[in-house]
Amino acid sequence: MRAAYREHLNAFANDLISMCDMSEEVMRKAHHALVGASLQSAEDALSLDEDIDRLVEVCEARAVELLALEGPVARDLRQVVSSIYIVEDFRRMAALAMHIANAARRRHPDYACPELVRGHFSRMGELDLHMVAKIRDLLVDPDADSAVSLNEDDDAVDDIHEHIMVSLTQKEWPFSTREAVDVALIARYYERYADHAVNVSSRVIYLTTGLVREDYLAQRSR
């Protein structure tokens, strides 16, 4: 029974990697759609919606099966519970990326964001993609210290988001109200994508140590 349970647990771990890959693919295509005003990239990103829903259903069914098969030991239970939360974070990451793709498609053939802030969005997208690549590495080889390092990337995304919001609210905005709304929403999508990546890293810390991020950092500093 334990051998079968371990096989199911390993399959669930592989499902998480697939979810990570899919959320990365959606963001990559959506980001290209935004900074390149590419209608095809936007359509490609949005076309993955049903694939993501199917994979989420597989993960949810797998989690129920794992919890029902037999009483998992402490680490196995942490893995199942952490994985359930991670699936939801990946689902939200993909949804946020699709919002970016939708914005790019809606404004095509024009850019969805003015040239004034396009460079900021380009950098935010690069950081988000870098973070999800780190997450994939953590899923393959969980490591609490590596997971903590994602906070630095998240701080960089937050700094750019704050700069964009200052441009919208505390300086003379040279563009239309519609463009201001688009910029504010898109900036929020990138920022929230990074937040969910940090959430996943926190789950990895809990999985490997049994501690929440704050407690792990406090223990490490002692």
N, C-alpha and C. Protein backbone atom coordinates (compact mmCIF):
# COMPACT_ATOMS: atom_id res chain seq x y z
N MET A 1 0.83 -1.21 0.00
CA MET A 1 0.00 0.00 0.00
C MET A 1 0.86 1.26 0.00
N ARG A 2 1.95 1.24 0.80
CA ARG A 2 2.82 2.42 0.84
C ARG A 2 3.49 2.66 -0.49
N ALA A 3 3.84 1.57 -1.20
CA ALA A 3 4.47 1.74 -2.51
C ALA A 3 3.50 2.41 -3.48
N ALA A 4 2.25 1.98 -3.45
CA ALA A 4 1.24 2.59 -4.33
C ALA A 4 1.02 4.05 -3.94
N TYR A 5 1.00 4.30 -2.65
CA TYR A 5 0.81 5.68 -2.16
C TYR A 5 1.96 6.57 -2.64
N ARG A 6 3.17 6.05 -2.54
CA ARG A 6 4.34 6.82 -2.98
C ARG A 6 4.28 7.10 -4.47
N GLU A 7 3.80 6.16 -5.25
CA GLU A 7 3.66 6.36 -6.69
C GLU A 7 2.67 7.49 -6.98
N HIS A 8 1.54 7.48 -6.26
CA HIS A 8 0.54 8.55 -6.44
C HIS A 8 1.11 9.90 -6.01
N LEU A 9 1.89 9.89 -4.93
CA LEU A 9 2.48 11.13 -4.45
C LEU A 9 3.48 11.69 -5.46
N ASN A 10 4.28 10.82 -6.05
CA ASN A 10 5.23 11.25 -7.07
C ASN A 10 4.51 11.77 -8.31
N ALA A 11 3.39 11.12 -8.66
CA ALA A 11 2.61 11.59 -9.81
C ALA A 11 2.04 12.98 -9.55
N PHE A 12 1.62 13.21 -8.30
CA PHE A 12 1.11 14.53 -7.93
C PHE A 12 2.22 15.58 -8.05
N ALA A 13 3.42 15.22 -7.63
CA ALA A 13 4.56 16.14 -7.74
C ALA A 13 4.82 16.49 -9.20
N ASN A 14 4.70 15.49 -10.09
CA ASN A 14 4.88 15.75 -11.52
C ASN A 14 3.76 16.63 -12.07
N ASP A 15 2.55 16.44 -11.55
CA ASP A 15 1.44 17.31 -11.97
C ASP A 15 1.72 18.76 -11.61
N LEU A 16 2.32 18.98 -10.45
CA LEU A 16 2.65 20.35 -10.04
C LEU A 16 3.66 20.99 -10.99
N ILE A 17 4.62 20.21 -11.43
CA ILE A 17 5.60 20.72 -12.39
C ILE A 17 4.91 21.08 -13.70
N SER A 18 3.96 20.25 -14.11
CA SER A 18 3.19 20.54 -15.32
C SER A 18 2.39 21.83 -15.16
N MET A 19 1.79 22.01 -13.98
CA MET A 19 1.06 23.25 -13.71
C MET A 19 1.98 24.46 -13.76
N CYS A 20 3.17 24.30 -13.20
CA CYS A 20 4.16 25.38 -13.22
C CYS A 20 4.54 25.73 -14.66
N ASP A 21 4.81 24.70 -15.46
CA ASP A 21 5.18 24.91 -16.85
C ASP A 21 4.07 25.64 -17.61
N MET A 22 2.82 25.28 -17.30
CA MET A 22 1.71 25.90 -18.01
C MET A 22 1.52 27.35 -17.61
N SER A 23 1.66 27.64 -16.32
CA SER A 23 1.53 29.03 -15.88
C SER A 23 2.67 29.88 -16.44
N GLU A 24 3.84 29.27 -16.58
CA GLU A 24 4.98 29.98 -17.20
C GLU A 24 4.71 30.22 -18.69
N GLU A 25 4.15 29.23 -19.37
CA GLU A 25 3.89 29.36 -20.81
C GLU A 25 2.85 30.46 -21.07
N VAL A 26 1.81 30.49 -20.25
CA VAL A 26 0.79 31.52 -20.42
C VAL A 26 1.41 32.90 -20.22
N MET A 27 2.21 33.07 -19.17
CA MET A 27 2.83 34.36 -18.91
C MET A 27 3.78 34.75 -20.03
N ARG A 28 4.57 33.80 -20.51
CA ARG A 28 5.52 34.11 -21.58
C ARG A 28 4.80 34.63 -22.82
N LYS A 29 3.73 33.95 -23.20
CA LYS A 29 2.97 34.35 -24.39
C LYS A 29 2.23 35.67 -24.14
N ALA A 30 1.65 35.81 -22.96
CA ALA A 30 0.93 37.04 -22.63
C ALA A 30 1.87 38.24 -22.59
N HIS A 31 3.04 38.04 -22.01
CA HIS A 31 4.03 39.13 -21.92
C HIS A 31 4.48 39.55 -23.32
N HIS A 32 4.72 38.57 -24.18
CA HIS A 32 5.10 38.91 -25.56
C HIS A 32 3.98 39.64 -26.26
N ALA A 33 2.74 39.23 -25.99
CA ALA A 33 1.59 39.90 -26.59
C ALA A 33 1.54 41.36 -26.17
N LEU A 34 1.85 41.63 -24.90
CA LEU A 34 1.76 42.99 -24.38
C LEU A 34 2.87 43.88 -24.92
N VAL A 35 4.11 43.46 -24.75
CA VAL A 35 5.24 44.34 -25.12
C VAL A 35 5.47 44.35 -26.63
N GLY A 36 4.93 43.34 -27.33
CA GLY A 36 5.11 43.30 -28.78
C GLY A 36 3.87 43.56 -29.58
N ALA A 37 2.75 43.88 -28.88
CA ALA A 37 1.46 44.09 -29.53
C ALA A 37 1.14 42.95 -30.50
N SER A 38 1.35 41.73 -30.02
CA SER A 38 1.17 40.53 -30.86
C SER A 38 -0.18 39.89 -30.58
N LEU A 39 -1.06 39.95 -31.57
CA LEU A 39 -2.37 39.33 -31.43
C LEU A 39 -2.25 37.81 -31.35
N GLN A 40 -1.35 37.24 -32.13
CA GLN A 40 -1.19 35.79 -32.14
C GLN A 40 -0.73 35.28 -30.77
N SER A 41 0.20 35.99 -30.16
CA SER A 41 0.68 35.57 -28.84
C SER A 41 -0.44 35.65 -27.80
N ALA A 42 -1.27 36.68 -27.92
CA ALA A 42 -2.41 36.80 -27.00
C ALA A 42 -3.37 35.64 -27.18
N GLU A 43 -3.68 35.31 -28.43
CA GLU A 43 -4.59 34.19 -28.69
C GLU A 43 -3.98 32.88 -28.21
N ASP A 44 -2.68 32.72 -28.41
CA ASP A 44 -2.01 31.48 -27.97
C ASP A 44 -2.10 31.33 -26.44
N ALA A 45 -1.92 32.44 -25.73
CA ALA A 45 -2.01 32.39 -24.27
C ALA A 45 -3.42 32.02 -23.82
N LEU A 46 -4.40 32.65 -24.42
CA LEU A 46 -5.78 32.43 -24.02
C LEU A 46 -6.28 31.04 -24.41
N SER A 47 -5.67 30.45 -25.42
CA SER A 47 -6.09 29.12 -25.87
C SER A 47 -5.75 28.03 -24.86
N LEU A 48 -4.90 28.35 -23.87
CA LEU A 48 -4.48 27.36 -22.88
C LEU A 48 -5.45 27.25 -21.71
N ASP A 49 -6.50 28.02 -21.72
CA ASP A 49 -7.43 28.06 -20.60
C ASP A 49 -8.02 26.68 -20.28
N GLU A 50 -8.50 25.99 -21.29
CA GLU A 50 -9.13 24.68 -21.05
C GLU A 50 -8.09 23.65 -20.59
N ASP A 51 -6.88 23.72 -21.13
CA ASP A 51 -5.83 22.79 -20.70
C ASP A 51 -5.52 22.98 -19.22
N ILE A 52 -5.50 24.22 -18.77
CA ILE A 52 -5.23 24.50 -17.36
C ILE A 52 -6.36 23.97 -16.50
N ASP A 53 -7.60 24.20 -16.93
CA ASP A 53 -8.74 23.70 -16.15
C ASP A 53 -8.70 22.18 -16.01
N ARG A 54 -8.35 21.50 -17.09
CA ARG A 54 -8.27 20.04 -17.04
C ARG A 54 -7.18 19.58 -16.07
N LEU A 55 -6.04 20.25 -16.11
CA LEU A 55 -4.95 19.86 -15.22
C LEU A 55 -5.29 20.14 -13.76
N VAL A 56 -6.00 21.24 -13.51
CA VAL A 56 -6.44 21.53 -12.14
C VAL A 56 -7.37 20.42 -11.65
N GLU A 57 -8.27 19.97 -12.51
CA GLU A 57 -9.18 18.88 -12.13
C GLU A 57 -8.41 17.61 -11.81
N VAL A 58 -7.38 17.31 -12.59
CA VAL A 58 -6.55 16.13 -12.33
C VAL A 58 -5.87 16.26 -10.97
N CYS A 59 -5.34 17.44 -10.69
CA CYS A 59 -4.64 17.66 -9.42
C CYS A 59 -5.60 17.55 -8.24
N GLU A 60 -6.78 18.11 -8.38
CA GLU A 60 -7.75 18.05 -7.29
C GLU A 60 -8.17 16.61 -7.01
N ALA A 61 -8.41 15.85 -8.09
CA ALA A 61 -8.78 14.44 -7.91
C ALA A 61 -7.64 13.66 -7.28
N ARG A 62 -6.42 13.96 -7.69
CA ARG A 62 -5.25 13.29 -7.14
C ARG A 62 -5.13 13.58 -5.63
N ALA A 63 -5.37 14.80 -5.24
CA ALA A 63 -5.26 15.17 -3.83
C ALA A 63 -6.29 14.42 -2.99
N VAL A 64 -7.52 14.35 -3.48
CA VAL A 64 -8.56 13.62 -2.74
C VAL A 64 -8.19 12.15 -2.61
N GLU A 65 -7.67 11.59 -3.68
CA GLU A 65 -7.28 10.18 -3.66
C GLU A 65 -6.16 9.93 -2.67
N LEU A 66 -5.20 10.83 -2.64
CA LEU A 66 -4.07 10.66 -1.72
C LEU A 66 -4.51 10.74 -0.26
N LEU A 67 -5.44 11.64 0.02
CA LEU A 67 -5.91 11.77 1.39
C LEU A 67 -6.81 10.60 1.80
N ALA A 68 -7.43 9.95 0.81
CA ALA A 68 -8.37 8.87 1.11
C ALA A 68 -7.70 7.50 1.15
N LEU A 69 -6.54 7.36 0.50
CA LEU A 69 -5.93 6.04 0.39
C LEU A 69 -5.56 5.46 1.75
N GLU A 70 -4.84 6.21 2.51
CA GLU A 70 -4.46 5.79 3.85
C GLU A 70 -3.94 7.00 4.61
N GLY A 71 -3.87 6.89 5.92
CA GLY A 71 -3.42 8.02 6.71
C GLY A 71 -1.96 8.34 6.42
N PRO A 72 -1.68 9.46 5.78
CA PRO A 72 -0.29 9.79 5.46
C PRO A 72 0.51 10.17 6.70
N VAL A 73 1.80 9.87 6.69
CA VAL A 73 2.68 10.30 7.76
C VAL A 73 2.90 11.81 7.63
N ALA A 74 3.54 12.40 8.64
CA ALA A 74 3.61 13.85 8.74
C ALA A 74 4.15 14.52 7.48
N ARG A 75 5.29 14.06 6.96
CA ARG A 75 5.87 14.71 5.80
C ARG A 75 4.99 14.53 4.57
N ASP A 76 4.44 13.33 4.40
CA ASP A 76 3.56 13.10 3.26
C ASP A 76 2.33 13.99 3.33
N LEU A 77 1.79 14.13 4.54
CA LEU A 77 0.62 14.99 4.70
C LEU A 77 0.97 16.44 4.38
N ARG A 78 2.15 16.88 4.81
CA ARG A 78 2.59 18.25 4.47
C ARG A 78 2.68 18.41 2.96
N GLN A 79 3.18 17.38 2.28
CA GLN A 79 3.33 17.48 0.83
C GLN A 79 1.98 17.58 0.14
N VAL A 80 1.02 16.76 0.57
CA VAL A 80 -0.30 16.80 -0.05
C VAL A 80 -0.98 18.14 0.20
N VAL A 81 -0.97 18.59 1.45
CA VAL A 81 -1.64 19.84 1.79
C VAL A 81 -0.96 21.02 1.09
N SER A 82 0.37 21.05 1.10
CA SER A 82 1.10 22.12 0.42
C SER A 82 0.80 22.12 -1.07
N SER A 83 0.71 20.94 -1.65
CA SER A 83 0.47 20.82 -3.08
C SER A 83 -0.91 21.33 -3.47
N ILE A 84 -1.90 21.10 -2.60
CA ILE A 84 -3.25 21.61 -2.87
C ILE A 84 -3.22 23.13 -2.98
N TYR A 85 -2.52 23.78 -2.07
CA TYR A 85 -2.40 25.24 -2.12
C TYR A 85 -1.59 25.69 -3.33
N ILE A 86 -0.55 24.95 -3.66
CA ILE A 86 0.30 25.32 -4.80
C ILE A 86 -0.50 25.26 -6.10
N VAL A 87 -1.34 24.25 -6.25
CA VAL A 87 -2.19 24.16 -7.45
C VAL A 87 -3.03 25.42 -7.60
N GLU A 88 -3.62 25.88 -6.51
CA GLU A 88 -4.44 27.08 -6.57
C GLU A 88 -3.61 28.31 -6.93
N ASP A 89 -2.39 28.41 -6.39
CA ASP A 89 -1.53 29.54 -6.75
C ASP A 89 -1.19 29.51 -8.24
N PHE A 90 -0.87 28.35 -8.77
CA PHE A 90 -0.57 28.26 -10.20
C PHE A 90 -1.79 28.61 -11.05
N ARG A 91 -2.96 28.19 -10.59
CA ARG A 91 -4.19 28.51 -11.33
C ARG A 91 -4.38 30.03 -11.37
N ARG A 92 -4.14 30.70 -10.25
CA ARG A 92 -4.28 32.15 -10.22
C ARG A 92 -3.21 32.83 -11.06
N MET A 93 -2.00 32.30 -11.04
CA MET A 93 -0.93 32.88 -11.87
C MET A 93 -1.31 32.82 -13.35
N ALA A 94 -1.83 31.68 -13.77
CA ALA A 94 -2.24 31.55 -15.17
C ALA A 94 -3.38 32.51 -15.49
N ALA A 95 -4.33 32.66 -14.56
CA ALA A 95 -5.45 33.58 -14.78
C ALA A 95 -4.97 35.02 -14.90
N LEU A 96 -4.02 35.41 -14.06
CA LEU A 96 -3.48 36.77 -14.13
C LEU A 96 -2.77 37.02 -15.46
N ALA A 97 -2.01 36.02 -15.91
CA ALA A 97 -1.34 36.15 -17.21
C ALA A 97 -2.36 36.28 -18.33
N MET A 98 -3.47 35.56 -18.22
CA MET A 98 -4.51 35.66 -19.24
C MET A 98 -5.17 37.04 -19.24
N HIS A 99 -5.26 37.67 -18.08
CA HIS A 99 -5.76 39.04 -18.03
C HIS A 99 -4.85 39.97 -18.85
N ILE A 100 -3.54 39.74 -18.75
CA ILE A 100 -2.59 40.53 -19.54
C ILE A 100 -2.80 40.27 -21.02
N ALA A 101 -2.97 39.00 -21.39
CA ALA A 101 -3.21 38.64 -22.79
C ALA A 101 -4.50 39.27 -23.29
N ASN A 102 -5.52 39.27 -22.46
CA ASN A 102 -6.80 39.89 -22.84
C ASN A 102 -6.64 41.38 -23.10
N ALA A 103 -5.85 42.04 -22.25
CA ALA A 103 -5.62 43.47 -22.44
C ALA A 103 -4.91 43.73 -23.76
N ALA A 104 -3.92 42.90 -24.07
CA ALA A 104 -3.19 43.06 -25.33
C ALA A 104 -4.12 42.82 -26.52
N ARG A 105 -4.96 41.81 -26.43
CA ARG A 105 -5.88 41.50 -27.53
C ARG A 105 -6.92 42.61 -27.69
N ARG A 106 -7.40 43.12 -26.60
CA ARG A 106 -8.45 44.15 -26.64
C ARG A 106 -7.96 45.42 -27.33
N ARG A 107 -6.69 45.77 -27.15
CA ARG A 107 -6.16 47.02 -27.71
C ARG A 107 -5.49 46.83 -29.08
N HIS A 108 -5.33 45.59 -29.51
CA HIS A 108 -4.70 45.35 -30.81
C HIS A 108 -5.49 46.05 -31.92
N PRO A 109 -4.82 46.68 -32.92
CA PRO A 109 -3.37 46.62 -33.22
C PRO A 109 -2.53 47.63 -32.44
N ASP A 110 -3.16 48.42 -31.57
CA ASP A 110 -2.39 49.36 -30.76
C ASP A 110 -1.75 48.61 -29.59
N TYR A 111 -0.76 49.23 -28.98
CA TYR A 111 -0.19 48.70 -27.75
C TYR A 111 -1.17 48.94 -26.60
N ALA A 112 -1.21 48.02 -25.67
CA ALA A 112 -2.09 48.17 -24.51
C ALA A 112 -1.51 49.12 -23.47
N CYS A 113 -0.24 49.46 -23.62
CA CYS A 113 0.39 50.38 -22.66
C CYS A 113 1.26 51.37 -23.43
N PRO A 114 1.28 52.63 -22.99
CA PRO A 114 2.08 53.65 -23.67
C PRO A 114 3.57 53.33 -23.60
N GLU A 115 4.31 53.87 -24.54
CA GLU A 115 5.75 53.63 -24.59
C GLU A 115 6.44 54.12 -23.32
N LEU A 116 5.86 55.13 -22.66
CA LEU A 116 6.44 55.69 -21.44
C LEU A 116 6.66 54.63 -20.36
N VAL A 117 5.75 53.65 -20.27
CA VAL A 117 5.84 52.64 -19.22
C VAL A 117 6.14 51.24 -19.77
N ARG A 118 6.30 51.14 -21.08
CA ARG A 118 6.48 49.81 -21.67
C ARG A 118 7.75 49.14 -21.18
N GLY A 119 8.79 49.92 -20.97
CA GLY A 119 10.03 49.35 -20.46
C GLY A 119 9.87 48.79 -19.06
N HIS A 120 9.04 49.45 -18.25
CA HIS A 120 8.78 48.95 -16.90
C HIS A 120 8.05 47.61 -16.96
N PHE A 121 7.07 47.51 -17.86
CA PHE A 121 6.35 46.25 -18.00
C PHE A 121 7.26 45.15 -18.53
N SER A 122 8.16 45.53 -19.42
CA SER A 122 9.10 44.54 -19.94
C SER A 122 9.94 43.96 -18.81
N ARG A 123 10.38 44.81 -17.91
CA ARG A 123 11.19 44.35 -16.78
C ARG A 123 10.37 43.52 -15.80
N MET A 124 9.14 43.95 -15.54
CA MET A 124 8.28 43.17 -14.64
C MET A 124 8.03 41.77 -15.19
N GLY A 125 7.80 41.69 -16.49
CA GLY A 125 7.59 40.38 -17.10
C GLY A 125 8.83 39.49 -17.00
N GLU A 126 9.99 40.09 -17.22
CA GLU A 126 11.23 39.32 -17.09
C GLU A 126 11.40 38.78 -15.68
N LEU A 127 11.10 39.62 -14.69
CA LEU A 127 11.22 39.19 -13.30
C LEU A 127 10.22 38.08 -12.97
N ASP A 128 8.98 38.24 -13.44
CA ASP A 128 7.98 37.21 -13.19
C ASP A 128 8.39 35.87 -13.79
N LEU A 129 8.91 35.90 -15.01
CA LEU A 129 9.33 34.67 -15.67
C LEU A 129 10.55 34.06 -14.97
N HIS A 130 11.41 34.92 -14.47
CA HIS A 130 12.56 34.43 -13.71
C HIS A 130 12.11 33.75 -12.43
N MET A 131 11.09 34.31 -11.79
CA MET A 131 10.58 33.74 -10.55
C MET A 131 9.92 32.39 -10.78
N VAL A 132 9.14 32.27 -11.85
CA VAL A 132 8.47 30.99 -12.09
C VAL A 132 9.48 29.93 -12.49
N ALA A 133 10.58 30.33 -13.14
CA ALA A 133 11.65 29.37 -13.45
C ALA A 133 12.30 28.88 -12.15
N LYS A 134 12.50 29.78 -11.20
CA LYS A 134 13.04 29.37 -9.90
C LYS A 134 12.09 28.41 -9.19
N ILE A 135 10.80 28.69 -9.29
CA ILE A 135 9.80 27.83 -8.67
C ILE A 135 9.88 26.42 -9.25
N ARG A 136 10.05 26.33 -10.55
CA ARG A 136 10.16 25.00 -11.16
C ARG A 136 11.36 24.24 -10.59
N ASP A 137 12.48 24.93 -10.45
CA ASP A 137 13.66 24.31 -9.86
C ASP A 137 13.38 23.83 -8.44
N LEU A 138 12.61 24.62 -7.69
CA LEU A 138 12.28 24.24 -6.31
C LEU A 138 11.37 23.02 -6.26
N LEU A 139 10.49 22.90 -7.24
CA LEU A 139 9.61 21.73 -7.27
C LEU A 139 10.39 20.47 -7.59
N VAL A 140 11.42 20.62 -8.42
CA VAL A 140 12.27 19.47 -8.76
C VAL A 140 13.19 19.12 -7.60
N ASP A 141 13.75 20.17 -6.98
CA ASP A 141 14.71 19.97 -5.88
C ASP A 141 14.40 20.96 -4.77
N PRO A 142 13.45 20.63 -3.88
CA PRO A 142 13.03 21.58 -2.84
C PRO A 142 14.19 21.99 -1.94
N ASP A 143 14.31 23.30 -1.71
CA ASP A 143 15.37 23.83 -0.86
C ASP A 143 14.86 25.12 -0.22
N ALA A 144 14.82 25.15 1.09
CA ALA A 144 14.23 26.28 1.81
C ALA A 144 15.01 27.57 1.56
N ASP A 145 16.34 27.52 1.57
CA ASP A 145 17.14 28.73 1.38
C ASP A 145 16.93 29.33 -0.02
N SER A 146 16.85 28.47 -1.02
CA SER A 146 16.59 28.96 -2.38
C SER A 146 15.19 29.56 -2.47
N ALA A 147 14.25 28.97 -1.75
CA ALA A 147 12.88 29.49 -1.76
C ALA A 147 12.83 30.89 -1.18
N VAL A 148 13.59 31.14 -0.13
CA VAL A 148 13.60 32.47 0.50
C VAL A 148 14.08 33.54 -0.48
N SER A 149 14.96 33.19 -1.39
CA SER A 149 15.56 34.17 -2.30
C SER A 149 14.54 34.79 -3.26
N LEU A 150 13.38 34.17 -3.42
CA LEU A 150 12.37 34.75 -4.32
C LEU A 150 11.85 36.08 -3.81
N ASN A 151 12.00 36.33 -2.52
CA ASN A 151 11.55 37.61 -1.98
C ASN A 151 12.27 38.79 -2.61
N GLU A 152 13.54 38.59 -2.99
CA GLU A 152 14.30 39.67 -3.60
C GLU A 152 13.70 40.05 -4.95
N ASP A 153 13.34 39.05 -5.75
CA ASP A 153 12.71 39.32 -7.04
C ASP A 153 11.35 39.99 -6.83
N ASP A 154 10.60 39.52 -5.84
CA ASP A 154 9.30 40.10 -5.56
C ASP A 154 9.43 41.56 -5.15
N ASP A 155 10.44 41.87 -4.36
CA ASP A 155 10.67 43.26 -3.96
C ASP A 155 10.96 44.13 -5.18
N ALA A 156 11.69 43.59 -6.14
CA ALA A 156 11.98 44.35 -7.36
C ALA A 156 10.71 44.62 -8.16
N VAL A 157 9.84 43.62 -8.25
CA VAL A 157 8.56 43.80 -8.93
C VAL A 157 7.72 44.85 -8.19
N ASP A 158 7.70 44.77 -6.87
CA ASP A 158 6.95 45.75 -6.08
C ASP A 158 7.46 47.17 -6.30
N ASP A 159 8.77 47.32 -6.41
CA ASP A 159 9.36 48.65 -6.63
C ASP A 159 8.90 49.23 -7.97
N ILE A 160 8.90 48.39 -9.01
CA ILE A 160 8.46 48.87 -10.33
C ILE A 160 6.97 49.21 -10.29
N HIS A 161 6.20 48.35 -9.64
CA HIS A 161 4.76 48.61 -9.52
C HIS A 161 4.50 49.94 -8.82
N GLU A 162 5.23 50.19 -7.75
CA GLU A 162 5.07 51.46 -7.02
C GLU A 162 5.45 52.64 -7.90
N HIS A 163 6.53 52.50 -8.67
CA HIS A 163 6.95 53.58 -9.56
C HIS A 163 5.88 53.89 -10.60
N ILE A 164 5.27 52.86 -11.15
CA ILE A 164 4.22 53.05 -12.15
C ILE A 164 3.02 53.76 -11.51
N MET A 165 2.65 53.36 -10.31
CA MET A 165 1.51 53.98 -9.64
C MET A 165 1.79 55.44 -9.31
N VAL A 166 3.04 55.74 -8.97
CA VAL A 166 3.41 57.14 -8.73
C VAL A 166 3.26 57.94 -10.03
N SER A 167 3.67 57.34 -11.14
CA SER A 167 3.53 58.02 -12.44
C SER A 167 2.07 58.33 -12.75
N LEU A 168 1.19 57.44 -12.30
CA LEU A 168 -0.24 57.62 -12.58
C LEU A 168 -0.91 58.62 -11.65
N THR A 169 -0.46 58.68 -10.41
CA THR A 169 -1.21 59.42 -9.40
C THR A 169 -0.53 60.68 -8.87
N GLN A 170 0.78 60.76 -8.97
CA GLN A 170 1.47 61.89 -8.37
C GLN A 170 2.21 62.75 -9.38
N LYS A 171 2.08 62.43 -10.63
CA LYS A 171 2.70 63.23 -11.68
C LYS A 171 1.65 63.52 -12.75
N GLU A 172 1.95 64.46 -13.61
CA GLU A 172 1.03 64.78 -14.70
C GLU A 172 1.04 63.62 -15.71
N TRP A 173 -0.11 62.98 -15.87
CA TRP A 173 -0.24 61.83 -16.77
C TRP A 173 -0.57 62.35 -18.18
N PRO A 174 0.31 62.10 -19.16
CA PRO A 174 0.12 62.71 -20.48
C PRO A 174 -0.79 61.92 -21.41
N PHE A 175 -1.40 60.86 -20.90
CA PHE A 175 -2.22 60.02 -21.77
C PHE A 175 -3.67 60.02 -21.29
N SER A 176 -4.50 59.22 -21.96
CA SER A 176 -5.93 59.22 -21.67
C SER A 176 -6.25 58.49 -20.37
N THR A 177 -7.47 58.69 -19.89
CA THR A 177 -7.94 57.97 -18.70
C THR A 177 -7.99 56.47 -18.98
N ARG A 178 -8.43 56.11 -20.17
CA ARG A 178 -8.48 54.69 -20.55
C ARG A 178 -7.11 54.04 -20.45
N GLU A 179 -6.09 54.74 -20.94
CA GLU A 179 -4.74 54.20 -20.86
C GLU A 179 -4.26 54.12 -19.41
N ALA A 180 -4.66 55.07 -18.60
CA ALA A 180 -4.29 55.04 -17.18
C ALA A 180 -4.89 53.81 -16.50
N VAL A 181 -6.15 53.52 -16.82
CA VAL A 181 -6.81 52.35 -16.24
C VAL A 181 -6.12 51.07 -16.70
N ASP A 182 -5.81 50.98 -17.98
CA ASP A 182 -5.12 49.80 -18.51
C ASP A 182 -3.78 49.60 -17.80
N VAL A 183 -3.02 50.66 -17.67
CA VAL A 183 -1.70 50.57 -17.06
C VAL A 183 -1.81 50.12 -15.60
N ALA A 184 -2.76 50.69 -14.87
CA ALA A 184 -2.92 50.33 -13.46
C ALA A 184 -3.30 48.86 -13.31
N LEU A 185 -4.21 48.39 -14.16
CA LEU A 185 -4.64 46.99 -14.07
C LEU A 185 -3.52 46.03 -14.46
N ILE A 186 -2.84 46.33 -15.55
CA ILE A 186 -1.78 45.43 -16.02
C ILE A 186 -0.64 45.37 -15.00
N ALA A 187 -0.29 46.52 -14.45
CA ALA A 187 0.76 46.53 -13.42
C ALA A 187 0.36 45.65 -12.24
N ARG A 188 -0.91 45.72 -11.88
CA ARG A 188 -1.41 44.89 -10.77
C ARG A 188 -1.34 43.41 -11.12
N TYR A 189 -1.62 43.04 -12.37
CA TYR A 189 -1.55 41.63 -12.76
C TYR A 189 -0.12 41.10 -12.63
N TYR A 190 0.85 41.86 -13.09
CA TYR A 190 2.24 41.44 -12.96
C TYR A 190 2.64 41.32 -11.48
N GLU A 191 2.22 42.30 -10.70
CA GLU A 191 2.59 42.32 -9.28
C GLU A 191 1.97 41.14 -8.54
N ARG A 192 0.73 40.82 -8.83
CA ARG A 192 0.06 39.70 -8.16
C ARG A 192 0.63 38.35 -8.61
N TYR A 193 1.04 38.26 -9.87
CA TYR A 193 1.69 37.04 -10.35
C TYR A 193 2.93 36.75 -9.51
N ALA A 194 3.72 37.77 -9.26
CA ALA A 194 4.92 37.61 -8.43
C ALA A 194 4.55 37.22 -7.01
N ASP A 195 3.47 37.80 -6.48
CA ASP A 195 3.04 37.46 -5.12
C ASP A 195 2.69 35.98 -5.01
N HIS A 196 2.00 35.46 -6.01
CA HIS A 196 1.63 34.04 -5.97
C HIS A 196 2.86 33.15 -6.09
N ALA A 197 3.87 33.59 -6.84
CA ALA A 197 5.12 32.83 -6.91
C ALA A 197 5.78 32.76 -5.53
N VAL A 198 5.72 33.86 -4.79
CA VAL A 198 6.25 33.86 -3.43
C VAL A 198 5.43 32.94 -2.54
N ASN A 199 4.12 32.92 -2.75
CA ASN A 199 3.29 31.99 -1.99
C ASN A 199 3.75 30.54 -2.18
N VAL A 200 4.03 30.19 -3.44
CA VAL A 200 4.50 28.84 -3.73
C VAL A 200 5.82 28.58 -3.01
N SER A 201 6.71 29.55 -3.03
CA SER A 201 8.00 29.36 -2.35
C SER A 201 7.79 29.15 -0.85
N SER A 202 6.79 29.83 -0.28
CA SER A 202 6.49 29.64 1.14
C SER A 202 5.99 28.22 1.41
N ARG A 203 5.21 27.68 0.47
CA ARG A 203 4.74 26.29 0.61
C ARG A 203 5.93 25.33 0.57
N VAL A 204 6.91 25.63 -0.26
CA VAL A 204 8.09 24.77 -0.35
C VAL A 204 8.87 24.80 0.97
N ILE A 205 8.97 25.99 1.57
CA ILE A 205 9.64 26.10 2.87
C ILE A 205 8.91 25.24 3.90
N TYR A 206 7.60 25.33 3.92
CA TYR A 206 6.82 24.54 4.86
C TYR A 206 6.98 23.05 4.59
N LEU A 207 7.00 22.68 3.31
CA LEU A 207 7.14 21.27 2.94
C LEU A 207 8.47 20.71 3.42
N THR A 208 9.53 21.47 3.25
CA THR A 208 10.86 20.94 3.56
C THR A 208 11.23 21.06 5.03
N THR A 209 10.65 22.03 5.75
CA THR A 209 11.06 22.28 7.13
C THR A 209 9.95 22.09 8.16
N GLY A 210 8.70 22.14 7.71
CA GLY A 210 7.59 22.10 8.65
C GLY A 210 7.34 23.43 9.31
N LEU A 211 8.03 24.49 8.84
CA LEU A 211 7.91 25.83 9.42
C LEU A 211 7.35 26.80 8.39
N VAL A 212 6.60 27.79 8.86
CA VAL A 212 6.20 28.88 7.97
C VAL A 212 7.42 29.75 7.71
N ARG A 213 7.35 30.58 6.67
CA ARG A 213 8.52 31.37 6.26
C ARG A 213 9.10 32.18 7.40
N GLU A 214 8.25 32.90 8.14
CA GLU A 214 8.75 33.78 9.19
C GLU A 214 9.49 33.00 10.28
N ASP A 215 8.91 31.84 10.66
CA ASP A 215 9.56 31.03 11.69
C ASP A 215 10.87 30.44 11.18
N TYR A 216 10.89 30.06 9.90
CA TYR A 216 12.12 29.52 9.34
C TYR A 216 13.22 30.59 9.30
N LEU A 217 12.87 31.80 8.91
CA LEU A 217 13.85 32.88 8.86
C LEU A 217 14.37 33.20 10.25
N ALA A 218 13.47 33.19 11.23
CA ALA A 218 13.89 33.45 12.61
C ALA A 218 14.83 32.35 13.10
N GLN A 219 14.52 31.10 12.77
CA GLN A 219 15.38 29.99 13.18
C GLN A 219 16.73 30.08 12.50
N ARG A 220 16.72 30.45 11.22
CA ARG A 220 17.98 30.52 10.47
C ARG A 220 18.88 31.64 10.98
N SER A 221 18.28 32.71 11.50
CA SER A 221 19.08 33.84 11.97
C SER A 221 19.69 33.61 13.34
N ARG A 222 19.16 32.60 14.06
CA ARG A 222 19.69 32.32 15.38
C ARG A 222 21.02 31.56 15.33
